[in-house]
Amino acid sequence: MEDPVPVQPQRVVIFRPFPLEVGQKITIAHGPRAGDWEVIGVSERRVRLRCPVSHKEVEWDHFCYLVEIRENEPWPHRG
């Protein structure tokens, strides 16, 4: 049997889907979707947003993630 690879503490960036809710006001800081939006619809796979200035409505697959950076996190994670 092989010896397991030792787990070393590392700096790890954690991504989690953010649970958007209807009525939330959000700001997307960068990228082609950048700007202020109001959440007007949420399904299991899609999110519907409205621009508060132009009132343009868009619907996209979920894409918002909460990011957390952890110091001294064991990596790689083991099941």
PDB file of N, CA and C in Angstrom:
ATOM      1  N   MET A   1       0.849  -1.176   0.000  1.00  0.00           N
ATOM      2  CA  MET A   1       0.000   0.000   0.000  1.00  0.00           C
ATOM      3  C   MET A   1       0.894   1.240   0.000  1.00  0.00           C
ATOM      4  N   GLU A   2       0.525   2.231  -0.848  1.00  0.00           N
ATOM      5  CA  GLU A   2       1.318   3.450  -0.935  1.00  0.00           C
ATOM      6  C   GLU A   2       1.059   4.352   0.264  1.00  0.00           C
ATOM      7  N   ASP A   3       2.087   5.106   0.639  1.00  0.00           N
ATOM      8  CA  ASP A   3       1.910   6.103   1.688  1.00  0.00           C
ATOM      9  C   ASP A   3       1.052   7.236   1.135  1.00  0.00           C
ATOM     10  N   PRO A   4       0.087   7.723   1.923  1.00  0.00           N
ATOM     11  CA  PRO A   4      -0.739   8.840   1.432  1.00  0.00           C
ATOM     12  C   PRO A   4       0.112  10.104   1.272  1.00  0.00           C
ATOM     13  N   VAL A   5      -0.282  10.926   0.293  1.00  0.00           N
ATOM     14  CA  VAL A   5       0.407  12.199   0.080  1.00  0.00           C
ATOM     15  C   VAL A   5       0.131  13.084   1.287  1.00  0.00           C
ATOM     16  N   PRO A   6       1.168  13.644   1.903  1.00  0.00           N
ATOM     17  CA  PRO A   6       0.926  14.482   3.074  1.00  0.00           C
ATOM     18  C   PRO A   6       0.142  15.742   2.700  1.00  0.00           C
ATOM     19  N   VAL A   7      -0.785  16.141   3.542  1.00  0.00           N
ATOM     20  CA  VAL A   7      -1.579  17.340   3.331  1.00  0.00           C
ATOM     21  C   VAL A   7      -0.822  18.509   3.934  1.00  0.00           C
ATOM     22  N   GLN A   8      -0.524  19.482   3.106  1.00  0.00           N
ATOM     23  CA  GLN A   8       0.214  20.656   3.539  1.00  0.00           C
ATOM     24  C   GLN A   8      -0.721  21.862   3.589  1.00  0.00           C
ATOM     25  N   PRO A   9      -0.618  22.706   4.618  1.00  0.00           N
ATOM     26  CA  PRO A   9      -1.433  23.921   4.644  1.00  0.00           C
ATOM     27  C   PRO A   9      -1.074  24.833   3.471  1.00  0.00           C
ATOM     28  N   GLN A  10      -2.086  25.313   2.778  1.00  0.00           N
ATOM     29  CA  GLN A  10      -1.920  26.178   1.620  1.00  0.00           C
ATOM     30  C   GLN A  10      -2.908  27.338   1.700  1.00  0.00           C
ATOM     31  N   ARG A  11      -2.707  28.364   0.895  1.00  0.00           N
ATOM     32  CA  ARG A  11      -3.690  29.428   0.722  1.00  0.00           C
ATOM     33  C   ARG A  11      -4.652  28.947  -0.356  1.00  0.00           C
ATOM     34  N   VAL A  12      -5.941  28.812  -0.026  1.00  0.00           N
ATOM     35  CA  VAL A  12      -6.931  28.223  -0.917  1.00  0.00           C
ATOM     36  C   VAL A  12      -8.074  29.213  -1.140  1.00  0.00           C
ATOM     37  N   VAL A  13      -8.487  29.388  -2.382  1.00  0.00           N
ATOM     38  CA  VAL A  13      -9.620  30.244  -2.725  1.00  0.00           C
ATOM     39  C   VAL A  13     -10.846  29.360  -2.848  1.00  0.00           C
ATOM     40  N   ILE A  14     -11.926  29.704  -2.119  1.00  0.00           N
ATOM     41  CA  ILE A  14     -13.146  28.906  -2.074  1.00  0.00           C
ATOM     42  C   ILE A  14     -14.240  29.621  -2.879  1.00  0.00           C
ATOM     43  N   PHE A  15     -14.886  28.907  -3.801  1.00  0.00           N
ATOM     44  CA  PHE A  15     -16.011  29.441  -4.569  1.00  0.00           C
ATOM     45  C   PHE A  15     -17.267  28.675  -4.186  1.00  0.00           C
ATOM     46  N   ARG A  16     -18.339  29.407  -3.908  1.00  0.00           N
ATOM     47  CA  ARG A  16     -19.638  28.798  -3.625  1.00  0.00           C
ATOM     48  C   ARG A  16     -20.706  29.550  -4.411  1.00  0.00           C
ATOM     49  N   PRO A  17     -21.661  28.856  -5.012  1.00  0.00           N
ATOM     50  CA  PRO A  17     -22.767  29.573  -5.646  1.00  0.00           C
ATOM     51  C   PRO A  17     -23.471  30.437  -4.606  1.00  0.00           C
ATOM     52  N   PHE A  18     -23.747  31.675  -4.962  1.00  0.00           N
ATOM     53  CA  PHE A  18     -24.433  32.568  -4.036  1.00  0.00           C
ATOM     54  C   PHE A  18     -25.937  32.405  -4.205  1.00  0.00           C
ATOM     55  N   PRO A  19     -26.669  32.186  -3.107  1.00  0.00           N
ATOM     56  CA  PRO A  19     -28.117  31.952  -3.191  1.00  0.00           C
ATOM     57  C   PRO A  19     -28.893  33.262  -3.373  1.00  0.00           C
ATOM     58  N   LEU A  20     -28.970  33.735  -4.612  1.00  0.00           N
ATOM     59  CA  LEU A  20     -29.700  34.976  -4.889  1.00  0.00           C
ATOM     60  C   LEU A  20     -31.174  34.815  -4.554  1.00  0.00           C
ATOM     61  N   GLU A  21     -31.797  35.935  -4.142  1.00  0.00           N
ATOM     62  CA  GLU A  21     -33.224  35.954  -3.817  1.00  0.00           C
ATOM     63  C   GLU A  21     -33.883  37.114  -4.530  1.00  0.00           C
ATOM     64  N   VAL A  22     -35.123  36.919  -4.942  1.00  0.00           N
ATOM     65  CA  VAL A  22     -35.889  37.970  -5.598  1.00  0.00           C
ATOM     66  C   VAL A  22     -35.930  39.191  -4.686  1.00  0.00           C
ATOM     67  N   GLY A  23     -35.701  40.357  -5.290  1.00  0.00           N
ATOM     68  CA  GLY A  23     -35.722  41.618  -4.552  1.00  0.00           C
ATOM     69  C   GLY A  23     -34.344  42.125  -4.164  1.00  0.00           C
ATOM     70  N   GLN A  24     -33.327  41.273  -4.223  1.00  0.00           N
ATOM     71  CA  GLN A  24     -31.986  41.718  -3.865  1.00  0.00           C
ATOM     72  C   GLN A  24     -31.456  42.701  -4.894  1.00  0.00           C
ATOM     73  N   LYS A  25     -30.720  43.686  -4.411  1.00  0.00           N
ATOM     74  CA  LYS A  25     -30.004  44.628  -5.268  1.00  0.00           C
ATOM     75  C   LYS A  25     -28.553  44.166  -5.274  1.00  0.00           C
ATOM     76  N   ILE A  26     -27.992  43.966  -6.469  1.00  0.00           N
ATOM     77  CA  ILE A  26     -26.623  43.482  -6.554  1.00  0.00           C
ATOM     78  C   ILE A  26     -25.808  44.387  -7.469  1.00  0.00           C
ATOM     79  N   THR A  27     -24.505  44.384  -7.284  1.00  0.00           N
ATOM     80  CA  THR A  27     -23.578  45.059  -8.173  1.00  0.00           C
ATOM     81  C   THR A  27     -22.566  44.036  -8.643  1.00  0.00           C
ATOM     82  N   ILE A  28     -22.434  43.904  -9.944  1.00  0.00           N
ATOM     83  CA  ILE A  28     -21.431  43.029 -10.528  1.00  0.00           C
ATOM     84  C   ILE A  28     -20.254  43.933 -10.873  1.00  0.00           C
ATOM     85  N   ALA A  29     -19.110  43.676 -10.251  1.00  0.00           N
ATOM     86  CA  ALA A  29     -17.986  44.595 -10.312  1.00  0.00           C
ATOM     87  C   ALA A  29     -17.247  44.591 -11.643  1.00  0.00           C
ATOM     88  N   HIS A  30     -17.133  43.448 -12.305  1.00  0.00           N
ATOM     89  CA  HIS A  30     -16.307  43.368 -13.507  1.00  0.00           C
ATOM     90  C   HIS A  30     -16.946  42.453 -14.544  1.00  0.00           C
ATOM     91  N   GLY A  31     -16.478  42.582 -15.763  1.00  0.00           N
ATOM     92  CA  GLY A  31     -16.896  41.684 -16.827  1.00  0.00           C
ATOM     93  C   GLY A  31     -18.040  42.231 -17.647  1.00  0.00           C
ATOM     94  N   PRO A  32     -18.499  41.434 -18.605  1.00  0.00           N
ATOM     95  CA  PRO A  32     -19.543  41.903 -19.527  1.00  0.00           C
ATOM     96  C   PRO A  32     -20.892  42.139 -18.850  1.00  0.00           C
ATOM     97  N   ARG A  33     -21.100  41.603 -17.667  1.00  0.00           N
ATOM     98  CA  ARG A  33     -22.365  41.791 -16.939  1.00  0.00           C
ATOM     99  C   ARG A  33     -22.247  42.864 -15.867  1.00  0.00           C
ATOM    100  N   ALA A  34     -21.151  43.608 -15.870  1.00  0.00           N
ATOM    101  CA  ALA A  34     -20.883  44.605 -14.829  1.00  0.00           C
ATOM    102  C   ALA A  34     -22.005  45.628 -14.742  1.00  0.00           C
ATOM    103  N   GLY A  35     -22.302  46.034 -13.520  1.00  0.00           N
ATOM    104  CA  GLY A  35     -23.300  47.068 -13.284  1.00  0.00           C
ATOM    105  C   GLY A  35     -24.204  46.713 -12.125  1.00  0.00           C
ATOM    106  N   ASP A  36     -25.200  47.561 -11.934  1.00  0.00           N
ATOM    107  CA  ASP A  36     -26.185  47.359 -10.870  1.00  0.00           C
ATOM    108  C   ASP A  36     -27.401  46.650 -11.444  1.00  0.00           C
ATOM    109  N   TRP A  37     -27.918  45.691 -10.660  1.00  0.00           N
ATOM    110  CA  TRP A  37     -29.053  44.898 -11.090  1.00  0.00           C
ATOM    111  C   TRP A  37     -29.967  44.616  -9.911  1.00  0.00           C
ATOM    112  N   GLU A  38     -31.246  44.414 -10.210  1.00  0.00           N
ATOM    113  CA  GLU A  38     -32.202  43.923  -9.221  1.00  0.00           C
ATOM    114  C   GLU A  38     -32.589  42.505  -9.629  1.00  0.00           C
ATOM    115  N   VAL A  39     -32.590  41.600  -8.657  1.00  0.00           N
ATOM    116  CA  VAL A  39     -32.970  40.216  -8.915  1.00  0.00           C
ATOM    117  C   VAL A  39     -34.494  40.155  -8.996  1.00  0.00           C
ATOM    118  N   ILE A  40     -35.020  39.730 -10.157  1.00  0.00           N
ATOM    119  CA  ILE A  40     -36.477  39.686 -10.323  1.00  0.00           C
ATOM    120  C   ILE A  40     -37.003  38.270 -10.524  1.00  0.00           C
ATOM    121  N   GLY A  41     -36.093  37.300 -10.610  1.00  0.00           N
ATOM    122  CA  GLY A  41     -36.525  35.912 -10.742  1.00  0.00           C
ATOM    123  C   GLY A  41     -35.363  34.972 -10.506  1.00  0.00           C
ATOM    124  N   VAL A  42     -35.643  33.865  -9.829  1.00  0.00           N
ATOM    125  CA  VAL A  42     -34.611  32.868  -9.555  1.00  0.00           C
ATOM    126  C   VAL A  42     -35.234  31.488  -9.699  1.00  0.00           C
ATOM    127  N   SER A  43     -34.582  30.639 -10.492  1.00  0.00           N
ATOM    128  CA  SER A  43     -34.982  29.234 -10.567  1.00  0.00           C
ATOM    129  C   SER A  43     -33.774  28.406 -10.163  1.00  0.00           C
ATOM    130  N   GLU A  44     -33.910  27.108 -10.251  1.00  0.00           N
ATOM    131  CA  GLU A  44     -32.806  26.234  -9.862  1.00  0.00           C
ATOM    132  C   GLU A  44     -31.569  26.473 -10.734  1.00  0.00           C
ATOM    133  N   ARG A  45     -31.775  26.831 -12.000  1.00  0.00           N
ATOM    134  CA  ARG A  45     -30.644  26.976 -12.927  1.00  0.00           C
ATOM    135  C   ARG A  45     -30.449  28.389 -13.471  1.00  0.00           C
ATOM    136  N   ARG A  46     -31.457  29.243 -13.384  1.00  0.00           N
ATOM    137  CA  ARG A  46     -31.392  30.554 -14.039  1.00  0.00           C
ATOM    138  C   ARG A  46     -31.672  31.676 -13.051  1.00  0.00           C
ATOM    139  N   VAL A  47     -31.185  32.869 -13.421  1.00  0.00           N
ATOM    140  CA  VAL A  47     -31.470  34.073 -12.640  1.00  0.00           C
ATOM    141  C   VAL A  47     -31.915  35.163 -13.623  1.00  0.00           C
ATOM    142  N   ARG A  48     -32.956  35.901 -13.235  1.00  0.00           N
ATOM    143  CA  ARG A  48     -33.473  36.982 -14.072  1.00  0.00           C
ATOM    144  C   ARG A  48     -33.200  38.296 -13.354  1.00  0.00           C
ATOM    145  N   LEU A  49     -32.592  39.259 -14.104  1.00  0.00           N
ATOM    146  CA  LEU A  49     -32.179  40.532 -13.525  1.00  0.00           C
ATOM    147  C   LEU A  49     -32.768  41.690 -14.317  1.00  0.00           C
ATOM    148  N   ARG A  50     -32.919  42.840 -13.617  1.00  0.00           N
ATOM    149  CA  ARG A  50     -33.392  44.063 -14.288  1.00  0.00           C
ATOM    150  C   ARG A  50     -32.451  45.206 -13.926  1.00  0.00           C
ATOM    151  N   CYS A  51     -32.064  45.974 -14.940  1.00  0.00           N
ATOM    152  CA  CYS A  51     -31.244  47.155 -14.724  1.00  0.00           C
ATOM    153  C   CYS A  51     -32.124  48.264 -14.154  1.00  0.00           C
ATOM    154  N   PRO A  52     -31.706  48.912 -13.048  1.00  0.00           N
ATOM    155  CA  PRO A  52     -32.545  49.955 -12.447  1.00  0.00           C
ATOM    156  C   PRO A  52     -32.568  51.250 -13.252  1.00  0.00           C
ATOM    157  N   VAL A  53     -31.659  51.410 -14.207  1.00  0.00           N
ATOM    158  CA  VAL A  53     -31.595  52.634 -15.015  1.00  0.00           C
ATOM    159  C   VAL A  53     -32.352  52.461 -16.324  1.00  0.00           C
ATOM    160  N   SER A  54     -31.984  51.443 -17.092  1.00  0.00           N
ATOM    161  CA  SER A  54     -32.597  51.238 -18.413  1.00  0.00           C
ATOM    162  C   SER A  54     -33.836  50.358 -18.349  1.00  0.00           C
ATOM    163  N   HIS A  55     -34.011  49.653 -17.236  1.00  0.00           N
ATOM    164  CA  HIS A  55     -35.088  48.683 -17.029  1.00  0.00           C
ATOM    165  C   HIS A  55     -34.979  47.474 -17.957  1.00  0.00           C
ATOM    166  N   LYS A  56     -33.811  47.321 -18.595  1.00  0.00           N
ATOM    167  CA  LYS A  56     -33.558  46.146 -19.423  1.00  0.00           C
ATOM    168  C   LYS A  56     -33.580  44.908 -18.535  1.00  0.00           C
ATOM    169  N   GLU A  57     -34.236  43.860 -19.012  1.00  0.00           N
ATOM    170  CA  GLU A  57     -34.282  42.594 -18.282  1.00  0.00           C
ATOM    171  C   GLU A  57     -33.470  41.553 -19.025  1.00  0.00           C
ATOM    172  N   VAL A  58     -32.726  40.762 -18.254  1.00  0.00           N
ATOM    173  CA  VAL A  58     -31.898  39.699 -18.821  1.00  0.00           C
ATOM    174  C   VAL A  58     -32.093  38.441 -17.989  1.00  0.00           C
ATOM    175  N   GLU A  59     -31.825  37.309 -18.605  1.00  0.00           N
ATOM    176  CA  GLU A  59     -31.885  36.038 -17.892  1.00  0.00           C
ATOM    177  C   GLU A  59     -30.647  35.241 -18.264  1.00  0.00           C
ATOM    178  N   TRP A  60     -29.929  34.785 -17.243  1.00  0.00           N
ATOM    179  CA  TRP A  60     -28.701  34.037 -17.456  1.00  0.00           C
ATOM    180  C   TRP A  60     -28.691  32.814 -16.558  1.00  0.00           C
ATOM    181  N   ASP A  61     -27.842  31.832 -16.923  1.00  0.00           N
ATOM    182  CA  ASP A  61     -27.557  30.746 -15.998  1.00  0.00           C
ATOM    183  C   ASP A  61     -26.921  31.354 -14.755  1.00  0.00           C
ATOM    184  N   HIS A  62     -27.105  30.703 -13.599  1.00  0.00           N
ATOM    185  CA  HIS A  62     -26.482  31.189 -12.367  1.00  0.00           C
ATOM    186  C   HIS A  62     -24.998  31.406 -12.599  1.00  0.00           C
ATOM    187  N   PHE A  63     -24.474  32.520 -12.125  1.00  0.00           N
ATOM    188  CA  PHE A  63     -23.072  32.827 -12.339  1.00  0.00           C
ATOM    189  C   PHE A  63     -22.437  33.528 -11.147  1.00  0.00           C
ATOM    190  N   CYS A  64     -23.221  33.946 -10.162  1.00  0.00           N
ATOM    191  CA  CYS A  64     -22.678  34.688  -9.022  1.00  0.00           C
ATOM    192  C   CYS A  64     -22.119  33.724  -7.986  1.00  0.00           C
ATOM    193  N   TYR A  65     -20.919  34.015  -7.543  1.00  0.00           N
ATOM    194  CA  TYR A  65     -20.259  33.170  -6.558  1.00  0.00           C
ATOM    195  C   TYR A  65     -19.719  34.027  -5.430  1.00  0.00           C
ATOM    196  N   LEU A  66     -19.799  33.491  -4.237  1.00  0.00           N
ATOM    197  CA  LEU A  66     -19.186  34.114  -3.077  1.00  0.00           C
ATOM    198  C   LEU A  66     -17.787  33.543  -2.970  1.00  0.00           C
ATOM    199  N   VAL A  67     -16.814  34.390  -2.838  1.00  0.00           N
ATOM    200  CA  VAL A  67     -15.429  33.952  -2.783  1.00  0.00           C
ATOM    201  C   VAL A  67     -14.878  34.193  -1.391  1.00  0.00           C
ATOM    202  N   GLU A  68     -14.143  33.234  -0.939  1.00  0.00           N
ATOM    203  CA  GLU A  68     -13.520  33.313   0.368  1.00  0.00           C
ATOM    204  C   GLU A  68     -12.080  32.858   0.209  1.00  0.00           C
ATOM    205  N   ILE A  69     -11.174  33.547   0.831  1.00  0.00           N
ATOM    206  CA  ILE A  69      -9.781  33.132   0.803  1.00  0.00           C
ATOM    207  C   ILE A  69      -9.410  32.681   2.204  1.00  0.00           C
ATOM    208  N   ARG A  70      -8.874  31.487   2.300  1.00  0.00           N
ATOM    209  CA  ARG A  70      -8.497  30.917   3.588  1.00  0.00           C
ATOM    210  C   ARG A  70      -6.986  30.726   3.640  1.00  0.00           C
ATOM    211  N   GLU A  71      -6.406  31.133   4.731  1.00  0.00           N
ATOM    212  CA  GLU A  71      -4.988  30.903   4.969  1.00  0.00           C
ATOM    213  C   GLU A  71      -4.822  29.596   5.739  1.00  0.00           C
ATOM    214  N   ASN A  72      -3.744  28.903   5.491  1.00  0.00           N
ATOM    215  CA  ASN A  72      -3.415  27.664   6.188  1.00  0.00           C
ATOM    216  C   ASN A  72      -4.505  26.605   6.074  1.00  0.00           C
ATOM    217  N   GLU A  73      -5.101  26.521   4.904  1.00  0.00           N
ATOM    218  CA  GLU A  73      -6.162  25.548   4.630  1.00  0.00           C
ATOM    219  C   GLU A  73      -5.531  24.256   4.114  1.00  0.00           C
ATOM    220  N   PRO A  74      -5.926  23.097   4.645  1.00  0.00           N
ATOM    221  CA  PRO A  74      -5.416  21.849   4.076  1.00  0.00           C
ATOM    222  C   PRO A  74      -5.810  21.738   2.601  1.00  0.00           C
ATOM    223  N   TRP A  75      -4.858  21.353   1.758  1.00  0.00           N
ATOM    224  CA  TRP A  75      -5.135  21.212   0.339  1.00  0.00           C
ATOM    225  C   TRP A  75      -4.182  20.202  -0.239  1.00  0.00           C
ATOM    226  N   PRO A  76      -4.637  19.295  -1.083  1.00  0.00           N
ATOM    227  CA  PRO A  76      -6.005  19.194  -1.586  1.00  0.00           C
ATOM    228  C   PRO A  76      -6.960  18.655  -0.531  1.00  0.00           C
ATOM    229  N   HIS A  77      -8.258  19.004  -0.709  1.00  0.00           N
ATOM    230  CA  HIS A  77      -9.276  18.496   0.210  1.00  0.00           C
ATOM    231  C   HIS A  77      -9.459  17.008  -0.002  1.00  0.00           C
ATOM    232  N   ARG A  78      -9.731  16.349   1.055  1.00  0.00           N
ATOM    233  CA  ARG A  78      -9.939  14.881   0.996  1.00  0.00           C
ATOM    234  C   ARG A  78     -11.401  14.601   1.283  1.00  0.00           C
ATOM    235  N   GLY A  79     -12.132  14.161   0.262  1.00  0.00           N
ATOM    236  CA  GLY A  79     -13.501  13.752   0.287  1.00  0.00           C
ATOM    237  C   GLY A  79     -14.316  14.119   1.403  1.00  0.00           C
TER     238      GLY A  79
END
